[in-house]
PDB file of N, CA and C in Angstrom:
ATOM      1  N   MET A   1     106.029  71.208  42.871  1.00  0.00           N
ATOM      2  CA  MET A   1     105.651  72.282  43.332  1.00  0.00           C
ATOM      3  C   MET A   1     106.969  73.246  43.571  1.00  0.00           C
ATOM      4  N   MET A   2     106.854  74.191  42.877  1.00  0.00           N
ATOM      5  CA  MET A   2     108.209  75.445  43.057  1.00  0.00           C
ATOM      6  C   MET A   2     107.752  76.630  43.990  1.00  0.00           C
ATOM      7  N   TYR A   3     108.848  76.849  44.636  1.00  0.00           N
ATOM      8  CA  TYR A   3     108.649  78.184  45.482  1.00  0.00           C
ATOM      9  C   TYR A   3     109.558  79.210  45.051  1.00  0.00           C
ATOM     10  N   PRO A   4     109.260  80.167  45.229  1.00  0.00           N
ATOM     11  CA  PRO A   4     110.253  81.470  44.646  1.00  0.00           C
ATOM     12  C   PRO A   4     111.515  81.243  45.159  1.00  0.00           C
ATOM     13  N   GLY A   5     112.498  81.523  44.515  1.00  0.00           N
ATOM     14  CA  GLY A   5     113.874  81.355  44.933  1.00  0.00           C
ATOM     15  C   GLY A   5     114.676  80.025  44.742  1.00  0.00           C
ATOM     16  N   MET A   6     113.721  78.954  44.318  1.00  0.00           N
ATOM     17  CA  MET A   6     114.235  77.709  44.158  1.00  0.00           C
ATOM     18  C   MET A   6     115.211  77.631  42.966  1.00  0.00           C
ATOM     19  N   MET A   7     114.928  78.365  41.993  1.00  0.00           N
ATOM     20  CA  MET A   7     115.766  78.378  40.708  1.00  0.00           C
ATOM     21  C   MET A   7     116.894  79.393  40.765  1.00  0.00           C
ATOM     22  N   GLN A   8     117.149  80.106  41.741  1.00  0.00           N
ATOM     23  CA  GLN A   8     118.210  80.951  41.965  1.00  0.00           C
ATOM     24  C   GLN A   8     119.506  80.245  42.096  1.00  0.00           C
ATOM     25  N   ALA A   9     120.753  80.549  41.536  1.00  0.00           N
ATOM     26  CA  ALA A   9     121.833  79.977  41.764  1.00  0.00           C
ATOM     27  C   ALA A   9     122.375  80.087  43.205  1.00  0.00           C
ATOM     28  N   GLU A  10     123.147  79.076  43.818  1.00  0.00           N
ATOM     29  CA  GLU A  10     123.767  79.309  45.147  1.00  0.00           C
ATOM     30  C   GLU A  10     124.611  80.525  45.173  1.00  0.00           C
ATOM     31  N   PRO A  11     124.581  80.973  46.312  1.00  0.00           N
ATOM     32  CA  PRO A  11     125.335  82.363  46.597  1.00  0.00           C
ATOM     33  C   PRO A  11     126.940  81.627  46.604  1.00  0.00           C
ATOM     34  N   GLN A  12     127.839  82.487  45.939  1.00  0.00           N
ATOM     35  CA  GLN A  12     129.240  82.192  45.964  1.00  0.00           C
ATOM     36  C   GLN A  12     129.973  82.446  47.294  1.00  0.00           C
ATOM     37  N   PRO A  13     130.719  81.544  47.800  1.00  0.00           N
ATOM     38  CA  PRO A  13     131.596  81.910  49.182  1.00  0.00           C
ATOM     39  C   PRO A  13     132.304  83.052  48.889  1.00  0.00           C
ATOM     40  N   PRO A  14     132.385  83.846  49.917  1.00  0.00           N
ATOM     41  CA  PRO A  14     133.194  84.919  49.759  1.00  0.00           C
ATOM     42  C   PRO A  14     134.853  84.728  49.517  1.00  0.00           C
ATOM     43  N   ILE A  15     135.248  83.641  49.909  1.00  0.00           N
ATOM     44  CA  ILE A  15     136.621  83.131  49.769  1.00  0.00           C
ATOM     45  C   ILE A  15     136.678  82.002  48.756  1.00  0.00           C
ATOM     46  N   SER A  16     137.650  82.083  48.008  1.00  0.00           N
ATOM     47  CA  SER A  16     137.612  80.647  47.104  1.00  0.00           C
ATOM     48  C   SER A  16     138.206  79.630  47.959  1.00  0.00           C
ATOM     49  N   ALA A  17     138.009  78.274  47.310  1.00  0.00           N
ATOM     50  CA  ALA A  17     138.424  77.107  47.855  1.00  0.00           C
ATOM     51  C   ALA A  17     139.927  76.936  47.992  1.00  0.00           C
ATOM     52  N   ASN A  18     140.558  77.711  47.246  1.00  0.00           N
ATOM     53  CA  ASN A  18     141.967  77.323  47.124  1.00  0.00           C
ATOM     54  C   ASN A  18     142.661  78.482  48.242  1.00  0.00           C
ATOM     55  N   VAL A  19     142.004  79.541  48.480  1.00  0.00           N
ATOM     56  CA  VAL A  19     142.291  80.639  49.364  1.00  0.00           C
ATOM     57  C   VAL A  19     142.069  80.027  50.990  1.00  0.00           C
ATOM     58  N   ARG A  20     140.856  79.271  51.026  1.00  0.00           N
ATOM     59  CA  ARG A  20     140.555  78.781  52.315  1.00  0.00           C
ATOM     60  C   ARG A  20     141.716  77.365  52.523  1.00  0.00           C
ATOM     61  N   MET A  21     142.019  76.918  51.593  1.00  0.00           N
ATOM     62  CA  MET A  21     142.658  75.703  51.878  1.00  0.00           C
ATOM     63  C   MET A  21     144.386  76.146  52.262  1.00  0.00           C
ATOM     64  N   TYR A  22     144.666  77.230  51.784  1.00  0.00           N
ATOM     65  CA  TYR A  22     145.905  77.701  51.901  1.00  0.00           C
ATOM     66  C   TYR A  22     145.953  78.455  53.413  1.00  0.00           C
ATOM     67  N   LEU A  23     144.763  79.058  53.748  1.00  0.00           N
ATOM     68  CA  LEU A  23     144.639  79.787  55.099  1.00  0.00           C
ATOM     69  C   LEU A  23     144.557  78.618  56.330  1.00  0.00           C
ATOM     70  N   ARG A  24     144.059  77.463  55.806  1.00  0.00           N
ATOM     71  CA  ARG A  24     143.788  76.384  56.805  1.00  0.00           C
ATOM     72  C   ARG A  24     145.269  75.793  57.027  1.00  0.00           C
ATOM     73  N   VAL A  25     146.228  75.626  55.938  1.00  0.00           N
ATOM     74  CA  VAL A  25     147.367  75.040  55.919  1.00  0.00           C
ATOM     75  C   VAL A  25     148.264  76.153  56.895  1.00  0.00           C
ATOM     76  N   VAL A  26     148.258  77.216  56.428  1.00  0.00           N
ATOM     77  CA  VAL A  26     149.096  78.205  57.223  1.00  0.00           C
ATOM     78  C   VAL A  26     148.729  78.292  58.728  1.00  0.00           C
ATOM     79  N   GLY A  27     147.623  78.327  58.977  1.00  0.00           N
ATOM     80  CA  GLY A  27     147.191  78.250  60.432  1.00  0.00           C
ATOM     81  C   GLY A  27     147.597  77.057  61.163  1.00  0.00           C
ATOM     82  N   PHE A  28     147.555  75.794  60.602  1.00  0.00           N
ATOM     83  CA  PHE A  28     148.048  74.744  61.140  1.00  0.00           C
ATOM     84  C   PHE A  28     149.628  74.600  61.536  1.00  0.00           C
ATOM     85  N   VAL A  29     150.315  75.342  60.495  1.00  0.00           N
ATOM     86  CA  VAL A  29     151.729  75.510  60.554  1.00  0.00           C
ATOM     87  C   VAL A  29     152.023  76.371  61.605  1.00  0.00           C
ATOM     88  N   VAL A  30     151.404  77.509  61.785  1.00  0.00           N
ATOM     89  CA  VAL A  30     151.654  78.585  62.707  1.00  0.00           C
ATOM     90  C   VAL A  30     151.370  78.051  64.061  1.00  0.00           C
ATOM     91  N   VAL A  31     150.112  77.309  64.287  1.00  0.00           N
ATOM     92  CA  VAL A  31     149.797  76.759  65.544  1.00  0.00           C
ATOM     93  C   VAL A  31     150.715  75.731  66.087  1.00  0.00           C
ATOM     94  N   ALA A  32     151.116  74.793  65.152  1.00  0.00           N
ATOM     95  CA  ALA A  32     152.022  73.735  65.295  1.00  0.00           C
ATOM     96  C   ALA A  32     153.563  74.403  65.815  1.00  0.00           C
ATOM     97  N   SER A  33     153.890  75.262  65.061  1.00  0.00           N
ATOM     98  CA  SER A  33     155.300  75.946  65.359  1.00  0.00           C
ATOM     99  C   SER A  33     155.063  76.588  66.811  1.00  0.00           C
ATOM    100  N   ALA A  34     154.000  77.207  67.050  1.00  0.00           N
ATOM    101  CA  ALA A  34     154.144  77.960  68.402  1.00  0.00           C
ATOM    102  C   ALA A  34     154.026  76.973  69.324  1.00  0.00           C
ATOM    103  N   ILE A  35     153.321  75.753  69.271  1.00  0.00           N
ATOM    104  CA  ILE A  35     153.250  74.649  70.187  1.00  0.00           C
ATOM    105  C   ILE A  35     154.784  74.159  70.518  1.00  0.00           C
ATOM    106  N   TYR A  36     155.395  73.981  69.273  1.00  0.00           N
ATOM    107  CA  TYR A  36     156.732  73.439  69.128  1.00  0.00           C
ATOM    108  C   TYR A  36     157.884  74.180  69.980  1.00  0.00           C
ATOM    109  N   PHE A  37     157.885  75.673  69.589  1.00  0.00           N
ATOM    110  CA  PHE A  37     158.741  76.510  70.087  1.00  0.00           C
ATOM    111  C   PHE A  37     158.613  77.085  71.530  1.00  0.00           C
ATOM    112  N   TYR A  38     157.338  77.323  71.789  1.00  0.00           N
ATOM    113  CA  TYR A  38     156.797  78.038  73.141  1.00  0.00           C
ATOM    114  C   TYR A  38     155.962  77.034  73.963  1.00  0.00           C
ATOM    115  N   GLY A  39     155.874  75.809  73.723  1.00  0.00           N
ATOM    116  CA  GLY A  39     155.248  74.919  74.419  1.00  0.00           C
ATOM    117  C   GLY A  39     155.808  74.596  75.905  1.00  0.00           C
ATOM    118  N   ASP A  40     157.135  74.944  76.191  1.00  0.00           N
ATOM    119  CA  ASP A  40     157.557  74.793  77.512  1.00  0.00           C
ATOM    120  C   ASP A  40     157.216  75.990  78.430  1.00  0.00           C
ATOM    121  N   PHE A  41     156.682  77.059  77.998  1.00  0.00           N
ATOM    122  CA  PHE A  41     156.229  78.273  78.906  1.00  0.00           C
ATOM    123  C   PHE A  41     155.033  77.840  79.127  1.00  0.00           C
ATOM    124  N   ILE A  42     154.099  76.951  78.851  1.00  0.00           N
ATOM    125  CA  ILE A  42     152.813  76.580  79.218  1.00  0.00           C
ATOM    126  C   ILE A  42     153.038  75.696  80.274  1.00  0.00           C
ATOM    127  N   GLU A  43     152.291  75.838  81.448  1.00  0.00           N
ATOM    128  CA  GLU A  43     152.185  74.813  82.564  1.00  0.00           C
ATOM    129  C   GLU A  43     150.992  73.759  82.420  1.00  0.00           C
ATOM    130  N   MET A  44     151.277  72.642  82.045  1.00  0.00           N
ATOM    131  CA  MET A  44     150.498  71.629  81.665  1.00  0.00           C
ATOM    132  C   MET A  44     149.947  70.958  82.946  1.00  0.00           C
ATOM    133  N   PRO A  45     148.736  70.648  83.457  1.00  0.00           N
ATOM    134  CA  PRO A  45     148.738  69.934  84.572  1.00  0.00           C
ATOM    135  C   PRO A  45     149.177  68.669  84.623  1.00  0.00           C
ATOM    136  N   ASP A  46     149.287  68.083  85.800  1.00  0.00           N
ATOM    137  CA  ASP A  46     149.873  66.478  85.703  1.00  0.00           C
ATOM    138  C   ASP A  46     148.578  65.611  85.676  1.00  0.00           C
ATOM    139  N   MET A  47     148.636  64.653  84.806  1.00  0.00           N
ATOM    140  CA  MET A  47     147.548  63.926  84.415  1.00  0.00           C
ATOM    141  C   MET A  47     147.593  62.472  85.521  1.00  0.00           C
ATOM    142  N   ALA A  48     148.487  62.389  86.350  1.00  0.00           N
ATOM    143  CA  ALA A  48     148.878  61.270  87.269  1.00  0.00           C
ATOM    144  C   ALA A  48     147.519  60.707  87.897  1.00  0.00           C
ATOM    145  N   PRO A  49     146.842  61.821  88.400  1.00  0.00           N
ATOM    146  CA  PRO A  49     145.395  61.266  89.241  1.00  0.00           C
ATOM    147  C   PRO A  49     144.449  60.615  88.145  1.00  0.00           C
ATOM    148  N   TYR A  50     144.362  60.761  86.992  1.00  0.00           N
ATOM    149  CA  TYR A  50     143.626  60.235  86.249  1.00  0.00           C
ATOM    150  C   TYR A  50     143.849  58.841  85.626  1.00  0.00           C
ATOM    151  N   MET A  51     145.225  58.439  85.675  1.00  0.00           N
ATOM    152  CA  MET A  51     145.618  57.327  85.009  1.00  0.00           C
ATOM    153  C   MET A  51     145.729  56.026  85.919  1.00  0.00           C
TER     154      MET A  51
END
């Protein structure tokens, strides 16, 4: 049994796969760099009570 719309092509994503991969890599590098360079300014809680 066929329903209307089953034969339609899938909608194309608004951003191509290469652009999405590039944005993921750039985002990862930016976040990793921010943690590396500015991580000392963030106060991390002491984990001693949980160990």
